[in-house]
Amino acid sequence: MNGNNIIASDFKYGENFKIGNFCIIGEEVVVGNNVTIENGCVITGKVIIGNGTIIKNHVELRENTVIGDNCVIDSKVSSSGNCRIGNNVILRYDTIIARGVEVGDNTYICPRVMTNNLDTGKKQIGGAKIGANCFIGTNAVIQHGITIAENVTIGSMSFVNKSIDEIGSTYVGIPAKKIK
């Protein structure tokens, strides 16, 4: 490990762990085997990162975020905490994962996707539940408290404000509507 990182004394990491420069790793962070954390990351408070996961540059993961095995968390992704990211998930750059969001296994989330956990009165409703094997297009917005079924495709720049229950469906637009 490099001397220019700030790392809590109780940080636990597995075999073949690699870390870049200028990272802050807080208390009670646990990292599995074969994990890479690149430069400028801030990871604080009871975060768990599974085996084989890659955390790119300038990622922020807040308390109680759990990331599964073999994920790729691209540059500038941020998590507000209390999130669960499944196995084999890809979160592309500049994505925001709001407090309470859950992402199922094998889901691909394109760049600049934004999730939300507040209603218009700033009351915390809870984050969205995104099923396994989903594809969420670039710049999509996923509102608070909704559920997206498995194998769903959300088109780029779509605004998802209602739950999607139909497995394997495709939604696009503002607000998102089923096209397939």
Protein backbone atom coordinates (compact mmCIF):
# COMPACT_ATOMS: atom_id res chain seq x y z
CA MET A 1 0.00 0.00 0.00
CA ASN A 2 1.10 3.55 -0.66
CA GLY A 3 2.06 6.04 2.03
CA ASN A 4 -0.11 8.80 0.55
CA ASN A 5 -3.43 7.15 1.48
CA ILE A 6 -5.41 7.61 4.69
CA ILE A 7 -6.49 4.17 5.90
CA ALA A 8 -8.29 3.26 9.13
CA SER A 9 -6.44 0.87 11.41
CA ASP A 10 -9.23 -1.75 11.28
CA PHE A 11 -9.33 -1.93 7.45
CA LYS A 12 -9.48 -5.58 6.32
CA TYR A 13 -8.43 -6.71 2.86
CA GLY A 14 -7.88 -10.02 1.09
CA GLU A 15 -5.09 -11.43 -1.05
CA ASN A 16 -3.84 -9.59 -4.14
CA PHE A 17 -5.43 -6.31 -3.04
CA LYS A 18 -4.17 -3.24 -4.93
CA ILE A 19 -4.76 0.41 -4.09
CA GLY A 20 -3.78 3.57 -5.96
CA ASN A 21 -2.90 6.98 -4.56
CA PHE A 22 -4.76 9.55 -2.47
CA CYS A 23 -7.52 7.26 -1.19
CA ILE A 24 -9.38 7.51 2.10
CA ILE A 25 -10.50 4.19 3.56
CA GLY A 26 -12.61 4.56 6.71
CA GLU A 27 -13.46 2.34 9.63
CA GLU A 28 -14.99 -1.12 9.25
CA VAL A 29 -14.30 -1.40 5.51
CA VAL A 30 -13.81 -4.99 4.31
CA VAL A 31 -12.39 -5.81 0.87
CA GLY A 32 -12.24 -9.28 -0.66
CA ASN A 33 -9.53 -11.03 -2.68
CA ASN A 34 -8.23 -9.70 -6.01
CA VAL A 35 -9.79 -6.26 -5.54
CA THR A 36 -8.35 -3.11 -7.10
CA ILE A 37 -9.13 0.37 -5.81
CA GLU A 38 -7.65 3.07 -8.05
CA ASN A 39 -6.81 6.72 -7.25
CA GLY A 40 -8.70 9.30 -5.19
CA CYS A 41 -11.43 7.05 -3.80
CA VAL A 42 -13.31 7.73 -0.56
CA ILE A 43 -14.76 4.63 1.08
CA THR A 44 -16.21 5.11 4.55
CA GLY A 45 -18.20 3.24 7.18
CA LYS A 46 -18.98 -0.49 7.04
CA VAL A 47 -18.52 -0.86 3.28
CA ILE A 48 -18.04 -4.40 1.94
CA ILE A 49 -16.46 -5.00 -1.47
CA GLY A 50 -16.61 -8.52 -2.91
CA ASN A 51 -13.88 -10.59 -4.56
CA GLY A 52 -12.55 -9.58 -7.97
CA THR A 53 -14.19 -6.15 -7.98
CA ILE A 54 -12.52 -3.13 -9.59
CA ILE A 55 -13.14 0.34 -8.19
CA LYS A 56 -11.97 3.01 -10.65
CA ASN A 57 -10.78 6.59 -9.92
CA HIS A 58 -12.60 9.10 -7.68
CA VAL A 59 -15.37 6.77 -6.50
CA GLU A 60 -17.23 7.58 -3.28
CA LEU A 61 -18.87 4.75 -1.33
CA ARG A 62 -20.63 5.71 1.89
CA GLU A 63 -21.66 3.69 4.94
CA ASN A 64 -23.36 0.32 4.62
CA THR A 65 -22.75 -0.05 0.90
CA VAL A 66 -22.31 -3.69 -0.10
CA ILE A 67 -20.81 -4.51 -3.50
CA GLY A 68 -20.81 -8.09 -4.76
CA ASP A 69 -18.14 -10.12 -6.52
CA ASN A 70 -16.63 -9.30 -9.92
CA CYS A 71 -18.16 -5.84 -10.28
CA VAL A 72 -16.75 -2.82 -12.10
CA ILE A 73 -17.44 0.51 -10.44
CA ASP A 74 -16.30 3.11 -12.95
CA SER A 75 -14.81 6.54 -12.25
CA LYS A 76 -16.81 9.13 -10.30
CA VAL A 77 -19.59 6.75 -9.27
CA SER A 78 -21.04 7.68 -5.89
CA SER A 79 -23.21 5.82 -3.42
CA SER A 80 -25.16 7.60 -0.68
CA GLY A 81 -25.04 4.53 1.55
CA ASN A 82 -27.28 1.66 2.62
CA CYS A 83 -27.01 0.27 -0.93
CA ARG A 84 -26.66 -3.27 -2.23
CA ILE A 85 -24.98 -3.96 -5.54
CA GLY A 86 -25.19 -7.58 -6.74
CA ASN A 87 -22.53 -9.75 -8.39
CA ASN A 88 -21.15 -9.04 -11.87
CA VAL A 89 -22.66 -5.53 -11.97
CA ILE A 90 -21.16 -2.71 -14.02
CA LEU A 91 -21.80 0.85 -12.90
CA ARG A 92 -20.42 3.24 -15.53
CA TYR A 93 -18.92 6.65 -14.78
CA ASP A 94 -20.75 9.51 -13.05
CA THR A 95 -23.61 7.26 -11.90
CA ILE A 96 -25.32 8.19 -8.64
CA ILE A 97 -26.67 5.39 -6.47
CA ALA A 98 -29.00 6.98 -3.90
CA ARG A 99 -29.46 5.78 -0.34
CA GLY A 100 -31.30 2.46 -0.20
CA VAL A 101 -30.94 1.44 -3.86
CA GLU A 102 -30.55 -2.26 -4.65
CA VAL A 103 -29.12 -3.50 -7.97
CA GLY A 104 -29.53 -7.15 -8.98
CA ASP A 105 -26.84 -9.45 -10.34
CA ASN A 106 -25.52 -9.06 -13.90
CA THR A 107 -27.02 -5.59 -14.38
CA TYR A 108 -25.34 -2.99 -16.58
CA ILE A 109 -25.90 0.66 -15.72
CA CYS A 110 -24.65 3.11 -18.36
CA PRO A 111 -22.92 6.46 -17.64
CA ARG A 112 -24.62 9.26 -15.73
CA VAL A 113 -27.62 7.30 -14.50
CA MET A 114 -29.21 8.94 -11.47
CA THR A 115 -31.29 7.26 -8.81
CA ASN A 116 -33.27 9.13 -6.18
CA ASN A 117 -34.61 8.40 -2.71
CA LEU A 118 -36.50 11.60 -1.82
CA ASP A 119 -40.00 12.69 -2.76
CA THR A 120 -40.77 16.27 -3.75
CA GLY A 121 -41.22 17.18 -0.07
CA LYS A 122 -37.65 15.99 0.66
CA LYS A 123 -39.01 13.00 2.59
CA GLN A 124 -36.90 9.83 2.28
CA ILE A 125 -38.98 7.21 0.52
CA GLY A 126 -36.18 4.75 -0.14
CA GLY A 127 -34.20 3.88 -3.20
CA ALA A 128 -35.28 1.86 -6.22
CA LYS A 129 -34.99 -1.91 -6.45
CA ILE A 130 -33.46 -2.82 -9.83
CA GLY A 131 -33.75 -6.48 -10.80
CA ALA A 132 -31.11 -8.85 -12.14
CA ASN A 133 -29.95 -8.80 -15.76
CA CYS A 134 -31.22 -5.27 -16.44
CA PHE A 135 -29.78 -2.68 -18.80
CA ILE A 136 -30.20 0.98 -17.83
CA GLY A 137 -29.33 3.46 -20.60
CA THR A 138 -27.18 6.59 -20.36
CA ASN A 139 -28.64 9.57 -18.44
CA ALA A 140 -31.72 7.65 -17.28
CA VAL A 141 -33.33 8.84 -14.05
CA ILE A 142 -34.90 6.29 -11.72
CA GLN A 143 -37.22 7.70 -9.09
CA HIS A 144 -37.51 6.74 -5.43
CA GLY A 145 -39.30 3.69 -4.06
CA ILE A 146 -39.96 1.91 -7.35
CA THR A 147 -39.18 -1.64 -8.42
CA ILE A 148 -37.83 -2.70 -11.81
CA ALA A 149 -38.34 -6.37 -12.69
CA GLU A 150 -35.60 -8.69 -14.01
CA ASN A 151 -34.32 -8.49 -17.60
CA VAL A 152 -35.75 -5.00 -18.15
CA THR A 153 -34.18 -2.52 -20.56
CA ILE A 154 -34.51 1.20 -19.85
CA GLY A 155 -33.66 3.48 -22.77
CA SER A 156 -31.19 6.34 -22.59
CA MET A 157 -32.50 9.62 -21.14
CA SER A 158 -35.66 7.92 -19.85
CA PHE A 159 -37.42 9.03 -16.67
CA VAL A 160 -38.72 6.04 -14.72
CA ASN A 161 -41.31 7.20 -12.20
CA LYS A 162 -43.42 4.03 -11.81
CA SER A 163 -42.59 0.43 -11.01
CA ILE A 164 -42.02 -1.94 -13.92
CA ASP A 165 -43.36 -5.39 -13.10
CA GLU A 166 -43.17 -7.11 -16.48
CA ILE A 167 -40.03 -9.26 -16.80
CA GLY A 168 -38.08 -8.68 -20.02
CA SER A 169 -39.87 -5.50 -21.04
CA THR A 170 -38.36 -2.36 -22.61
CA TYR A 171 -39.24 1.17 -21.49
CA VAL A 172 -38.23 4.53 -23.00
CA GLY A 173 -39.17 8.19 -22.79
CA ILE A 174 -40.21 10.88 -20.35
CA PRO A 175 -42.00 9.44 -18.47
CA ALA A 176 -40.84 5.96 -19.46
CA LYS A 177 -43.43 3.92 -21.36
CA LYS A 178 -43.38 0.35 -22.53
CA ILE A 179 -42.42 -0.18 -26.16
CA LYS A 180 -41.75 -3.92 -26.12
